[in-house]
Amino acid sequence: MVSIIVTAFGEPGNRYAQFTARWWAAVLSMLPAPAEVVVAHTCPEPLGLLPGPATVRTVAVPCVKPDVVSMVNAAVEAATQPWVSVIGVDDCYTPTALTDLVKADAAGAEILVWHQREVGSHVWNCYWNPDVLQRANTLAGSCPVRRDLWLRVGGPPRIAWSDWGFWLRCAKAGATAYQSDVVGVDFDAGRGHATFSGSATFEQLAARDAEARAFAMELFL
């Protein structure tokens, strides 16, 4: 029912290598299991793929300076399942991440809202409120969404907090959400991790927040 979307930049053995085994172990622990994993990559052997029960499909995105949005959109286009979930290789799904997906699907929801936990510590309680969303991001970036919703809104915008911008686009489109009590992902907020969000300075984070709020103001005018 769900395609997991992940990106891989550069050659095998780069900074992603240290996270690969942990990431795949987490995917293989999920019950129910995802139907497929789609890897958008810039190298012929992305992530050092490990064998497992899920179908693994790869999408080559050749470019000099890879664009995360372009890569993720290419993977979503190639996905075969009605739901997609986008995640970084430094973040890990919990075993129960997909527990409520059938309920969300049966309810006709377009987003499954789950909670996010920083590795080994604090749980962020995520929720869907389009009004609050215009001021602060209230959802984990990995929350599953219907693929047709993704395609309808055009995926994430090219801003620093692209996941926040994507949820704003979904809110503008009138998307519906199913609230789950499940913690769906363990988020690695440590410095030096693959996506480098944890390495940003306070000033950089403030600038990203301001950019996202400006995007929201323009979108909802």
N, C-alpha and C. Protein backbone atom coordinates (compact mmCIF):
# COMPACT_ATOMS: atom_id res chain seq x y z
N MET A 1 0.81 -1.21 0.00
CA MET A 1 0.00 0.00 0.00
C MET A 1 0.85 1.27 0.00
N VAL A 2 2.10 1.17 0.49
CA VAL A 2 2.94 2.38 0.60
C VAL A 2 4.30 2.16 -0.04
N SER A 3 4.76 3.18 -0.75
CA SER A 3 6.12 3.21 -1.30
C SER A 3 6.96 4.12 -0.42
N ILE A 4 8.07 3.61 0.09
CA ILE A 4 9.01 4.43 0.83
C ILE A 4 9.95 5.10 -0.17
N ILE A 5 10.12 6.41 -0.01
CA ILE A 5 10.96 7.19 -0.92
C ILE A 5 12.19 7.67 -0.17
N VAL A 6 13.38 7.41 -0.73
CA VAL A 6 14.61 7.86 -0.10
C VAL A 6 15.59 8.30 -1.18
N THR A 7 16.44 9.26 -0.87
CA THR A 7 17.41 9.75 -1.85
C THR A 7 18.83 9.39 -1.43
N ALA A 8 19.70 9.25 -2.42
CA ALA A 8 21.12 8.95 -2.17
C ALA A 8 21.96 9.78 -3.13
N PHE A 9 22.84 10.59 -2.58
CA PHE A 9 23.71 11.44 -3.38
C PHE A 9 25.13 10.88 -3.41
N GLY A 10 25.81 11.09 -4.53
CA GLY A 10 27.23 10.80 -4.59
C GLY A 10 27.56 9.33 -4.77
N GLU A 11 28.82 9.01 -4.61
CA GLU A 11 29.31 7.66 -4.86
C GLU A 11 29.13 6.76 -3.64
N PRO A 12 29.06 5.44 -3.86
CA PRO A 12 29.01 4.50 -2.72
C PRO A 12 30.19 4.74 -1.78
N GLY A 13 29.93 4.58 -0.49
CA GLY A 13 30.98 4.78 0.50
C GLY A 13 31.07 6.21 1.00
N ASN A 14 30.15 7.09 0.56
CA ASN A 14 30.18 8.47 1.04
C ASN A 14 29.55 8.54 2.43
N ARG A 15 29.16 9.75 2.85
CA ARG A 15 28.67 9.92 4.22
C ARG A 15 27.41 9.13 4.53
N TYR A 16 26.67 8.68 3.51
CA TYR A 16 25.47 7.89 3.75
C TYR A 16 25.79 6.49 4.26
N ALA A 17 26.98 5.99 3.95
CA ALA A 17 27.31 4.59 4.25
C ALA A 17 27.15 4.26 5.73
N GLN A 18 27.48 5.22 6.62
CA GLN A 18 27.43 4.93 8.05
C GLN A 18 26.01 4.72 8.55
N PHE A 19 24.99 5.16 7.77
CA PHE A 19 23.61 5.04 8.22
C PHE A 19 22.86 3.88 7.56
N THR A 20 23.44 3.32 6.49
CA THR A 20 22.70 2.39 5.65
C THR A 20 22.21 1.15 6.39
N ALA A 21 23.09 0.47 7.11
CA ALA A 21 22.69 -0.77 7.79
C ALA A 21 21.58 -0.52 8.80
N ARG A 22 21.72 0.55 9.58
CA ARG A 22 20.69 0.87 10.58
C ARG A 22 19.36 1.17 9.91
N TRP A 23 19.42 1.94 8.82
CA TRP A 23 18.20 2.34 8.10
C TRP A 23 17.47 1.12 7.55
N TRP A 24 18.23 0.22 6.90
CA TRP A 24 17.58 -0.96 6.32
C TRP A 24 17.06 -1.90 7.39
N ALA A 25 17.75 -2.01 8.51
CA ALA A 25 17.26 -2.85 9.60
C ALA A 25 15.92 -2.34 10.10
N ALA A 26 15.77 -1.01 10.17
CA ALA A 26 14.51 -0.42 10.61
C ALA A 26 13.40 -0.71 9.60
N VAL A 27 13.69 -0.57 8.31
CA VAL A 27 12.69 -0.86 7.27
C VAL A 27 12.24 -2.31 7.37
N LEU A 28 13.18 -3.23 7.54
CA LEU A 28 12.86 -4.65 7.59
C LEU A 28 12.10 -5.04 8.85
N SER A 29 12.11 -4.18 9.87
CA SER A 29 11.40 -4.48 11.13
C SER A 29 9.95 -4.04 11.09
N MET A 30 9.54 -3.32 10.04
CA MET A 30 8.20 -2.74 9.99
C MET A 30 7.13 -3.81 9.75
N LEU A 31 6.09 -3.79 10.59
CA LEU A 31 4.93 -4.66 10.43
C LEU A 31 3.67 -3.82 10.60
N PRO A 32 2.85 -3.70 9.55
CA PRO A 32 3.03 -4.30 8.23
C PRO A 32 4.23 -3.70 7.49
N ALA A 33 4.74 -4.44 6.53
CA ALA A 33 5.91 -4.01 5.76
C ALA A 33 5.47 -3.11 4.61
N PRO A 34 6.34 -2.20 4.18
CA PRO A 34 6.02 -1.40 2.99
C PRO A 34 6.01 -2.29 1.76
N ALA A 35 5.26 -1.87 0.75
CA ALA A 35 5.18 -2.66 -0.48
C ALA A 35 6.46 -2.53 -1.29
N GLU A 36 7.09 -1.36 -1.25
CA GLU A 36 8.31 -1.16 -2.03
C GLU A 36 9.12 -0.01 -1.46
N VAL A 37 10.40 0.00 -1.79
CA VAL A 37 11.30 1.10 -1.48
C VAL A 37 11.80 1.65 -2.81
N VAL A 38 11.65 2.95 -3.02
CA VAL A 38 12.12 3.58 -4.25
C VAL A 38 13.27 4.51 -3.90
N VAL A 39 14.42 4.26 -4.47
CA VAL A 39 15.62 5.03 -4.19
C VAL A 39 15.95 5.91 -5.39
N ALA A 40 15.87 7.22 -5.20
CA ALA A 40 16.34 8.15 -6.23
C ALA A 40 17.81 8.41 -5.96
N HIS A 41 18.65 8.28 -6.97
CA HIS A 41 20.09 8.32 -6.71
C HIS A 41 20.85 9.01 -7.83
N THR A 42 22.09 9.35 -7.52
CA THR A 42 23.00 9.97 -8.50
C THR A 42 24.21 9.09 -8.77
N CYS A 43 24.13 7.84 -8.33
CA CYS A 43 25.25 6.91 -8.55
C CYS A 43 24.68 5.54 -8.87
N PRO A 44 25.46 4.66 -9.52
CA PRO A 44 24.92 3.39 -9.95
C PRO A 44 24.63 2.38 -8.84
N GLU A 45 25.20 2.56 -7.65
CA GLU A 45 24.98 1.59 -6.57
C GLU A 45 24.55 2.33 -5.30
N PRO A 46 23.34 2.87 -5.28
CA PRO A 46 22.92 3.69 -4.15
C PRO A 46 22.77 2.92 -2.86
N LEU A 47 23.27 3.51 -1.80
CA LEU A 47 23.04 3.05 -0.43
C LEU A 47 23.61 1.69 -0.08
N GLY A 48 24.24 0.98 -1.00
CA GLY A 48 24.70 -0.37 -0.70
C GLY A 48 23.53 -1.23 -0.31
N LEU A 49 22.53 -1.35 -1.18
CA LEU A 49 21.25 -1.97 -0.85
C LEU A 49 21.40 -3.36 -0.25
N LEU A 50 20.61 -3.62 0.78
CA LEU A 50 20.60 -4.91 1.45
C LEU A 50 19.39 -5.71 1.01
N PRO A 51 19.47 -7.04 1.00
CA PRO A 51 18.31 -7.84 0.60
C PRO A 51 17.23 -7.80 1.67
N GLY A 52 15.99 -7.94 1.25
CA GLY A 52 14.89 -7.94 2.19
C GLY A 52 13.59 -8.24 1.49
N PRO A 53 12.49 -8.32 2.24
CA PRO A 53 11.21 -8.70 1.65
C PRO A 53 10.58 -7.62 0.78
N ALA A 54 10.91 -6.36 1.01
CA ALA A 54 10.31 -5.29 0.21
C ALA A 54 10.96 -5.22 -1.17
N THR A 55 10.16 -4.90 -2.18
CA THR A 55 10.69 -4.66 -3.52
C THR A 55 11.50 -3.37 -3.50
N VAL A 56 12.69 -3.39 -4.06
CA VAL A 56 13.53 -2.19 -4.13
C VAL A 56 13.65 -1.77 -5.58
N ARG A 57 13.29 -0.51 -5.85
CA ARG A 57 13.38 0.03 -7.20
C ARG A 57 14.26 1.27 -7.14
N THR A 58 15.05 1.50 -8.17
CA THR A 58 15.94 2.64 -8.20
C THR A 58 15.61 3.54 -9.38
N VAL A 59 15.79 4.84 -9.16
CA VAL A 59 15.54 5.84 -10.19
C VAL A 59 16.79 6.71 -10.30
N ALA A 60 17.46 6.67 -11.43
CA ALA A 60 18.66 7.48 -11.64
C ALA A 60 18.26 8.90 -11.99
N VAL A 61 18.86 9.87 -11.28
CA VAL A 61 18.60 11.29 -11.54
C VAL A 61 19.95 11.94 -11.81
N PRO A 62 20.44 11.87 -13.05
CA PRO A 62 21.76 12.42 -13.35
C PRO A 62 21.73 13.95 -13.41
N CYS A 63 22.58 14.57 -12.63
CA CYS A 63 22.73 16.02 -12.68
C CYS A 63 24.01 16.40 -11.95
N VAL A 64 24.55 17.56 -12.30
CA VAL A 64 25.81 17.99 -11.70
C VAL A 64 25.62 18.34 -10.24
N LYS A 65 24.59 19.14 -9.95
CA LYS A 65 24.26 19.52 -8.57
C LYS A 65 22.86 18.99 -8.26
N PRO A 66 22.78 17.83 -7.63
CA PRO A 66 21.47 17.21 -7.39
C PRO A 66 20.54 18.11 -6.58
N ASP A 67 19.30 18.15 -6.97
CA ASP A 67 18.26 18.92 -6.32
C ASP A 67 17.35 17.93 -5.59
N VAL A 68 17.22 18.07 -4.27
CA VAL A 68 16.43 17.11 -3.49
C VAL A 68 15.00 17.02 -4.00
N VAL A 69 14.40 18.18 -4.29
CA VAL A 69 13.01 18.19 -4.75
C VAL A 69 12.87 17.41 -6.05
N SER A 70 13.77 17.64 -6.99
CA SER A 70 13.71 16.92 -8.27
C SER A 70 13.86 15.43 -8.07
N MET A 71 14.78 15.03 -7.18
CA MET A 71 15.02 13.62 -6.94
C MET A 71 13.82 12.95 -6.29
N VAL A 72 13.26 13.61 -5.29
CA VAL A 72 12.10 13.03 -4.61
C VAL A 72 10.91 12.95 -5.56
N ASN A 73 10.69 13.99 -6.35
CA ASN A 73 9.58 13.97 -7.29
C ASN A 73 9.74 12.85 -8.31
N ALA A 74 10.98 12.61 -8.76
CA ALA A 74 11.23 11.53 -9.71
C ALA A 74 10.89 10.18 -9.09
N ALA A 75 11.22 10.00 -7.82
CA ALA A 75 10.92 8.74 -7.13
C ALA A 75 9.42 8.57 -6.94
N VAL A 76 8.72 9.64 -6.58
CA VAL A 76 7.27 9.56 -6.40
C VAL A 76 6.60 9.24 -7.74
N GLU A 77 7.07 9.84 -8.81
CA GLU A 77 6.54 9.53 -10.14
C GLU A 77 6.68 8.05 -10.45
N ALA A 78 7.80 7.45 -10.03
CA ALA A 78 8.07 6.05 -10.33
C ALA A 78 7.37 5.09 -9.37
N ALA A 79 6.88 5.59 -8.25
CA ALA A 79 6.25 4.73 -7.25
C ALA A 79 4.98 4.08 -7.80
N THR A 80 4.69 2.89 -7.33
CA THR A 80 3.53 2.15 -7.84
C THR A 80 2.39 2.04 -6.83
N GLN A 81 2.61 2.51 -5.59
CA GLN A 81 1.62 2.34 -4.53
C GLN A 81 0.78 3.60 -4.33
N PRO A 82 -0.42 3.47 -3.76
CA PRO A 82 -1.29 4.63 -3.57
C PRO A 82 -0.80 5.61 -2.51
N TRP A 83 0.08 5.17 -1.60
CA TRP A 83 0.63 6.03 -0.57
C TRP A 83 2.15 6.09 -0.73
N VAL A 84 2.73 7.24 -0.36
CA VAL A 84 4.18 7.39 -0.36
C VAL A 84 4.62 8.00 0.96
N SER A 85 5.83 7.66 1.39
CA SER A 85 6.43 8.24 2.59
C SER A 85 7.88 8.56 2.27
N VAL A 86 8.26 9.83 2.46
CA VAL A 86 9.61 10.30 2.12
C VAL A 86 10.43 10.40 3.39
N ILE A 87 11.63 9.84 3.38
CA ILE A 87 12.46 9.81 4.59
C ILE A 87 13.93 9.94 4.21
N GLY A 88 14.73 10.48 5.12
CA GLY A 88 16.17 10.53 4.94
C GLY A 88 16.79 9.25 5.45
N VAL A 89 17.93 8.86 4.88
CA VAL A 89 18.56 7.61 5.28
C VAL A 89 19.14 7.67 6.69
N ASP A 90 19.24 8.87 7.24
CA ASP A 90 19.72 9.00 8.62
C ASP A 90 18.59 8.90 9.64
N ASP A 91 17.35 8.87 9.18
CA ASP A 91 16.19 8.71 10.06
C ASP A 91 15.64 7.30 9.91
N CYS A 92 15.03 6.77 10.96
CA CYS A 92 14.58 5.38 10.94
C CYS A 92 13.10 5.24 11.28
N TYR A 93 12.40 4.42 10.50
CA TYR A 93 11.02 4.10 10.84
C TYR A 93 10.98 3.25 12.10
N THR A 94 9.88 3.36 12.84
CA THR A 94 9.64 2.45 13.96
C THR A 94 8.95 1.20 13.43
N PRO A 95 8.99 0.09 14.18
CA PRO A 95 8.34 -1.14 13.70
C PRO A 95 6.83 -0.98 13.47
N THR A 96 6.19 -0.06 14.21
CA THR A 96 4.72 0.10 14.12
C THR A 96 4.31 1.29 13.26
N ALA A 97 5.23 1.83 12.46
CA ALA A 97 4.95 3.06 11.71
C ALA A 97 3.70 2.97 10.85
N LEU A 98 3.45 1.83 10.24
CA LEU A 98 2.35 1.70 9.29
C LEU A 98 1.09 1.09 9.88
N THR A 99 1.04 0.97 11.20
CA THR A 99 -0.09 0.33 11.87
C THR A 99 -1.42 0.93 11.49
N ASP A 100 -1.51 2.24 11.39
CA ASP A 100 -2.79 2.91 11.16
C ASP A 100 -3.04 3.29 9.71
N LEU A 101 -2.18 2.85 8.80
CA LEU A 101 -2.35 3.26 7.42
C LEU A 101 -3.65 2.72 6.81
N VAL A 102 -4.01 1.50 7.13
CA VAL A 102 -5.26 0.93 6.62
C VAL A 102 -6.45 1.75 7.12
N LYS A 103 -6.40 2.16 8.39
CA LYS A 103 -7.49 2.97 8.95
C LYS A 103 -7.57 4.32 8.23
N ALA A 104 -6.42 4.93 7.98
CA ALA A 104 -6.41 6.22 7.28
C ALA A 104 -6.96 6.07 5.88
N ASP A 105 -6.59 4.98 5.22
CA ASP A 105 -7.06 4.74 3.87
C ASP A 105 -8.57 4.51 3.85
N ALA A 106 -9.05 3.72 4.80
CA ALA A 106 -10.49 3.43 4.87
C ALA A 106 -11.30 4.68 5.18
N ALA A 107 -10.71 5.61 5.93
CA ALA A 107 -11.40 6.85 6.28
C ALA A 107 -11.38 7.86 5.14
N GLY A 108 -10.66 7.55 4.06
CA GLY A 108 -10.59 8.46 2.93
C GLY A 108 -9.64 9.63 3.16
N ALA A 109 -8.77 9.50 4.17
CA ALA A 109 -7.81 10.58 4.46
C ALA A 109 -6.71 10.60 3.40
N GLU A 110 -6.06 11.74 3.28
CA GLU A 110 -4.98 11.90 2.30
C GLU A 110 -3.60 11.99 2.95
N ILE A 111 -3.58 12.16 4.28
CA ILE A 111 -2.33 12.24 5.03
C ILE A 111 -2.50 11.40 6.30
N LEU A 112 -1.49 10.58 6.61
CA LEU A 112 -1.46 9.88 7.90
C LEU A 112 -0.50 10.64 8.80
N VAL A 113 -1.04 11.26 9.83
CA VAL A 113 -0.21 12.05 10.74
C VAL A 113 0.25 11.16 11.89
N TRP A 114 1.56 10.96 11.97
CA TRP A 114 2.11 10.22 13.10
C TRP A 114 3.09 11.12 13.85
N HIS A 115 3.53 10.66 15.00
CA HIS A 115 4.44 11.45 15.82
C HIS A 115 5.89 11.11 15.46
N GLN A 116 6.79 11.99 15.86
CA GLN A 116 8.21 11.86 15.55
C GLN A 116 9.01 11.92 16.84
N ARG A 117 10.03 11.09 16.93
CA ARG A 117 10.86 11.06 18.14
C ARG A 117 12.30 11.34 17.77
N GLU A 118 12.93 12.25 18.48
CA GLU A 118 14.37 12.42 18.32
C GLU A 118 15.05 11.18 18.90
N VAL A 119 16.07 10.70 18.21
CA VAL A 119 16.70 9.44 18.58
C VAL A 119 17.04 9.42 20.07
N GLY A 120 16.43 8.49 20.78
CA GLY A 120 16.73 8.28 22.19
C GLY A 120 16.18 9.31 23.15
N SER A 121 15.25 10.19 22.67
CA SER A 121 14.80 11.21 23.62
C SER A 121 13.38 11.69 23.35
N HIS A 122 13.25 12.96 23.09
CA HIS A 122 11.99 13.68 23.07
C HIS A 122 11.07 13.25 21.93
N VAL A 123 9.76 13.14 22.22
CA VAL A 123 8.75 12.87 21.20
C VAL A 123 8.07 14.17 20.80
N TRP A 124 8.04 14.46 19.51
CA TRP A 124 7.30 15.60 18.98
C TRP A 124 5.89 15.14 18.65
N ASN A 125 4.90 15.73 19.29
CA ASN A 125 3.51 15.39 19.02
C ASN A 125 3.03 16.16 17.79
N CYS A 126 2.89 15.46 16.69
CA CYS A 126 2.53 16.09 15.42
C CYS A 126 1.01 16.12 15.26
N TYR A 127 0.51 17.10 14.55
CA TYR A 127 -0.94 17.21 14.33
C TYR A 127 -1.20 18.05 13.09
N TRP A 128 -2.42 17.94 12.57
CA TRP A 128 -2.82 18.63 11.35
C TRP A 128 -3.75 19.78 11.70
N ASN A 129 -3.29 21.00 11.54
CA ASN A 129 -4.09 22.19 11.74
C ASN A 129 -3.60 23.23 10.74
N PRO A 130 -4.29 23.40 9.61
CA PRO A 130 -3.82 24.31 8.56
C PRO A 130 -3.56 25.74 9.04
N ASP A 131 -4.33 26.23 10.02
CA ASP A 131 -4.10 27.58 10.52
C ASP A 131 -2.77 27.68 11.26
N VAL A 132 -2.51 26.73 12.17
CA VAL A 132 -1.25 26.73 12.91
C VAL A 132 -0.08 26.48 11.96
N LEU A 133 -0.31 25.64 10.96
CA LEU A 133 0.73 25.27 10.02
C LEU A 133 1.31 26.48 9.29
N GLN A 134 0.53 27.52 9.16
CA GLN A 134 1.03 28.72 8.49
C GLN A 134 2.08 29.45 9.32
N ARG A 135 2.18 29.14 10.62
CA ARG A 135 3.14 29.78 11.50
C ARG A 135 4.27 28.84 11.93
N ALA A 136 3.97 27.53 11.98
CA ALA A 136 4.97 26.56 12.44
C ALA A 136 4.67 25.21 11.82
N ASN A 137 5.71 24.46 11.53
CA ASN A 137 5.51 23.13 10.97
C ASN A 137 5.09 22.17 12.08
N THR A 138 3.95 21.52 11.91
CA THR A 138 3.41 20.65 12.95
C THR A 138 3.42 19.18 12.54
N LEU A 139 4.04 18.85 11.42
CA LEU A 139 4.07 17.47 10.94
C LEU A 139 5.50 17.00 10.70
N ALA A 140 5.72 15.71 10.91
CA ALA A 140 6.98 15.09 10.52
C ALA A 140 7.02 14.98 9.00
N GLY A 141 8.18 15.22 8.42
CA GLY A 141 8.30 15.18 6.97
C GLY A 141 8.03 13.82 6.37
N SER A 142 8.15 12.77 7.17
CA SER A 142 7.99 11.40 6.67
C SER A 142 6.56 10.90 6.73
N CYS A 143 5.62 11.69 7.27
CA CYS A 143 4.23 11.23 7.35
C CYS A 143 3.73 10.79 5.97
N PRO A 144 3.12 9.62 5.87
CA PRO A 144 2.65 9.14 4.57
C PRO A 144 1.54 10.01 3.98
N VAL A 145 1.57 10.15 2.67
CA VAL A 145 0.55 10.91 1.95
C VAL A 145 0.11 10.10 0.74
N ARG A 146 -1.09 10.35 0.29
CA ARG A 146 -1.54 9.71 -0.94
C ARG A 146 -0.71 10.23 -2.11
N ARG A 147 -0.31 9.34 -2.95
CA ARG A 147 0.50 9.72 -4.11
C ARG A 147 -0.24 10.71 -5.00
N ASP A 148 -1.54 10.54 -5.17
CA ASP A 148 -2.28 11.45 -6.04
C ASP A 148 -2.35 12.86 -5.45
N LEU A 149 -2.33 12.98 -4.12
CA LEU A 149 -2.26 14.31 -3.50
C LEU A 149 -0.91 14.94 -3.82
N TRP A 150 0.16 14.17 -3.67
CA TRP A 150 1.50 14.67 -3.98
C TRP A 150 1.55 15.22 -5.40
N LEU A 151 1.04 14.44 -6.34
CA LEU A 151 1.08 14.84 -7.74
C LEU A 151 0.18 16.04 -7.99
N ARG A 152 -0.95 16.10 -7.28
CA ARG A 152 -1.90 17.20 -7.48
C ARG A 152 -1.32 18.54 -7.05
N VAL A 153 -0.57 18.56 -5.93
CA VAL A 153 -0.02 19.83 -5.44
C VAL A 153 1.35 20.14 -6.01
N GLY A 154 1.93 19.17 -6.76
CA GLY A 154 3.23 19.41 -7.38
C GLY A 154 4.41 19.12 -6.50
N GLY A 155 4.21 18.36 -5.42
CA GLY A 155 5.32 18.04 -4.53
C GLY A 155 5.75 19.23 -3.71
N PRO A 156 6.93 19.16 -3.10
CA PRO A 156 7.42 20.25 -2.25
C PRO A 156 7.97 21.41 -3.06
N PRO A 157 7.91 22.62 -2.50
CA PRO A 157 8.54 23.77 -3.16
C PRO A 157 10.05 23.75 -2.93
N ARG A 158 10.76 24.56 -3.68
CA ARG A 158 12.22 24.63 -3.53
C ARG A 158 12.57 25.71 -2.51
N ILE A 159 12.28 25.39 -1.26
CA ILE A 159 12.69 26.24 -0.13
C ILE A 159 13.44 25.33 0.84
N ALA A 160 14.14 25.94 1.81
CA ALA A 160 14.97 25.16 2.72
C ALA A 160 14.14 24.11 3.47
N TRP A 161 13.01 24.54 4.06
CA TRP A 161 12.12 23.58 4.73
C TRP A 161 11.10 23.10 3.71
N SER A 162 11.55 22.27 2.77
CA SER A 162 10.67 21.84 1.68
C SER A 162 9.51 20.99 2.18
N ASP A 163 9.73 20.21 3.27
CA ASP A 163 8.62 19.41 3.79
C ASP A 163 7.52 20.31 4.37
N TRP A 164 7.92 21.36 5.09
CA TRP A 164 6.94 22.33 5.62
C TRP A 164 6.19 22.96 4.45
N GLY A 165 6.90 23.36 3.42
CA GLY A 165 6.26 23.94 2.25
C GLY A 165 5.29 22.98 1.59
N PHE A 166 5.63 21.69 1.59
CA PHE A 166 4.73 20.70 1.01
C PHE A 166 3.45 20.60 1.81
N TRP A 167 3.55 20.56 3.15
CA TRP A 167 2.34 20.49 3.96
C TRP A 167 1.49 21.73 3.76
N LEU A 168 2.11 22.88 3.57
CA LEU A 168 1.36 24.10 3.29
C LEU A 168 0.60 23.99 1.96
N ARG A 169 1.24 23.42 0.97
CA ARG A 169 0.56 23.20 -0.31
C ARG A 169 -0.62 22.24 -0.14
N CYS A 170 -0.44 21.22 0.69
CA CYS A 170 -1.53 20.28 0.95
C CYS A 170 -2.69 20.97 1.66
N ALA A 171 -2.38 21.83 2.62
CA ALA A 171 -3.42 22.57 3.33
C ALA A 171 -4.19 23.47 2.38
N LYS A 172 -3.47 24.16 1.51
CA LYS A 172 -4.11 25.03 0.53
C LYS A 172 -5.04 24.23 -0.37
N ALA A 173 -4.68 22.99 -0.67
CA ALA A 173 -5.49 22.14 -1.54
C ALA A 173 -6.66 21.50 -0.81
N GLY A 174 -6.79 21.76 0.51
CA GLY A 174 -7.90 21.21 1.28
C GLY A 174 -7.73 19.75 1.65
N ALA A 175 -6.50 19.29 1.80
CA ALA A 175 -6.23 17.89 2.12
C ALA A 175 -6.83 17.50 3.48
N THR A 176 -7.19 16.23 3.59
CA THR A 176 -7.73 15.70 4.84
C THR A 176 -6.69 14.78 5.48
N ALA A 177 -6.71 14.73 6.81
CA ALA A 177 -5.69 13.97 7.54
C ALA A 177 -6.32 13.02 8.55
N TYR A 178 -5.63 11.92 8.82
CA TYR A 178 -6.00 10.97 9.86
C TYR A 178 -4.95 11.07 10.96
N GLN A 179 -5.41 11.35 12.18
CA GLN A 179 -4.48 11.50 13.31
C GLN A 179 -4.21 10.17 13.97
N SER A 180 -2.96 9.76 14.01
CA SER A 180 -2.55 8.51 14.65
C SER A 180 -1.84 8.82 15.97
N ASP A 181 -1.89 7.87 16.89
CA ASP A 181 -1.15 8.00 18.15
C ASP A 181 0.23 7.37 18.05
N VAL A 182 0.55 6.80 16.90
CA VAL A 182 1.79 6.06 16.72
C VAL A 182 2.99 7.00 16.53
N VAL A 183 4.13 6.64 17.12
CA VAL A 183 5.40 7.29 16.78
C VAL A 183 5.92 6.57 15.55
N GLY A 184 5.98 7.26 14.43
CA GLY A 184 6.30 6.61 13.17
C GLY A 184 7.77 6.63 12.79
N VAL A 185 8.53 7.56 13.35
CA VAL A 185 9.92 7.69 12.92
C VAL A 185 10.80 8.18 14.06
N ASP A 186 12.01 7.68 14.09
CA ASP A 186 13.06 8.18 14.98
C ASP A 186 13.93 9.11 14.15
N PHE A 187 13.92 10.39 14.51
CA PHE A 187 14.59 11.44 13.75
C PHE A 187 15.98 11.68 14.32
N ASP A 188 16.99 11.59 13.47
CA ASP A 188 18.37 11.78 13.92
C ASP A 188 18.71 13.27 13.84
N ALA A 189 18.70 13.93 14.97
CA ALA A 189 18.95 15.37 15.00
C ALA A 189 20.41 15.68 15.30
N GLY A 190 21.28 14.68 15.25
CA GLY A 190 22.67 14.89 15.59
C GLY A 190 23.47 15.63 14.54
N ARG A 191 24.50 16.31 14.95
CA ARG A 191 25.37 17.00 14.00
C ARG A 191 26.12 15.99 13.14
N GLY A 192 26.32 16.37 11.88
CA GLY A 192 27.07 15.53 10.98
C GLY A 192 26.26 14.40 10.36
N HIS A 193 24.93 14.39 10.61
CA HIS A 193 24.15 13.32 10.00
C HIS A 193 23.94 13.62 8.51
N ALA A 194 23.38 12.66 7.81
CA ALA A 194 23.43 12.71 6.35
C ALA A 194 22.76 13.93 5.75
N THR A 195 21.63 14.35 6.31
CA THR A 195 20.94 15.50 5.71
C THR A 195 21.39 16.83 6.30
N PHE A 196 22.21 16.78 7.32
CA PHE A 196 22.87 17.98 7.86
C PHE A 196 21.96 19.03 8.50
N SER A 197 20.69 18.74 8.73
CA SER A 197 19.82 19.73 9.38
C SER A 197 20.35 20.07 10.77
N GLY A 198 20.88 19.07 11.47
CA GLY A 198 21.37 19.31 12.82
C GLY A 198 22.64 20.13 12.88
N SER A 199 23.24 20.42 11.72
CA SER A 199 24.46 21.22 11.70
C SER A 199 24.20 22.70 11.47
N ALA A 200 22.94 23.07 11.27
CA ALA A 200 22.61 24.47 10.98
C ALA A 200 22.77 25.34 12.22
N THR A 201 23.18 26.59 12.02
CA THR A 201 23.28 27.55 13.11
C THR A 201 21.90 28.10 13.44
N PHE A 202 21.80 28.78 14.58
CA PHE A 202 20.53 29.40 14.96
C PHE A 202 20.08 30.40 13.90
N GLU A 203 21.03 31.18 13.38
CA GLU A 203 20.69 32.17 12.36
C GLU A 203 20.17 31.52 11.09
N GLN A 204 20.79 30.40 10.69
CA GLN A 204 20.33 29.69 9.50
C GLN A 204 18.94 29.11 9.70
N LEU A 205 18.69 28.55 10.88
CA LEU A 205 17.37 28.01 11.17
C LEU A 205 16.31 29.10 11.17
N ALA A 206 16.64 30.26 11.75
CA ALA A 206 15.70 31.38 11.77
C ALA A 206 15.39 31.85 10.35
N ALA A 207 16.40 31.89 9.49
CA ALA A 207 16.19 32.30 8.11
C ALA A 207 15.30 31.31 7.37
N ARG A 208 15.48 30.02 7.64
CA ARG A 208 14.64 29.00 7.00
C ARG A 208 13.20 29.12 7.46
N ASP A 209 13.00 29.37 8.76
CA ASP A 209 11.65 29.56 9.29
C ASP A 209 10.98 30.76 8.62
N ALA A 210 11.72 31.85 8.51
CA ALA A 210 11.17 33.07 7.90
C ALA A 210 10.80 32.83 6.44
N GLU A 211 11.63 32.08 5.74
CA GLU A 211 11.34 31.77 4.34
C GLU A 211 10.05 30.96 4.22
N ALA A 212 9.87 29.98 5.10
CA ALA A 212 8.68 29.14 5.05
C ALA A 212 7.43 29.95 5.38
N ARG A 213 7.52 30.85 6.36
CA ARG A 213 6.35 31.67 6.71
C ARG A 213 6.01 32.64 5.58
N ALA A 214 7.02 33.15 4.91
CA ALA A 214 6.78 34.02 3.76
C ALA A 214 6.10 33.24 2.64
N PHE A 215 6.52 31.99 2.45
CA PHE A 215 5.88 31.13 1.46
C PHE A 215 4.42 30.91 1.81
N ALA A 216 4.12 30.70 3.11
CA ALA A 216 2.76 30.50 3.57
C ALA A 216 1.92 31.75 3.32
N MET A 217 2.47 32.93 3.62
CA MET A 217 1.72 34.17 3.42
C MET A 217 1.36 34.35 1.95
N GLU A 218 2.30 34.08 1.08
CA GLU A 218 2.06 34.23 -0.36
C GLU A 218 1.04 33.21 -0.84
N LEU A 219 1.11 31.98 -0.30
CA LEU A 219 0.23 30.91 -0.73
C LEU A 219 -1.21 31.16 -0.31
N PHE A 220 -1.40 31.73 0.88
CA PHE A 220 -2.74 31.87 1.42
C PHE A 220 -3.33 33.29 1.26
N LEU A 221 -2.67 34.14 0.51
CA LEU A 221 -3.21 35.47 0.26
C LEU A 221 -4.53 35.37 -0.51
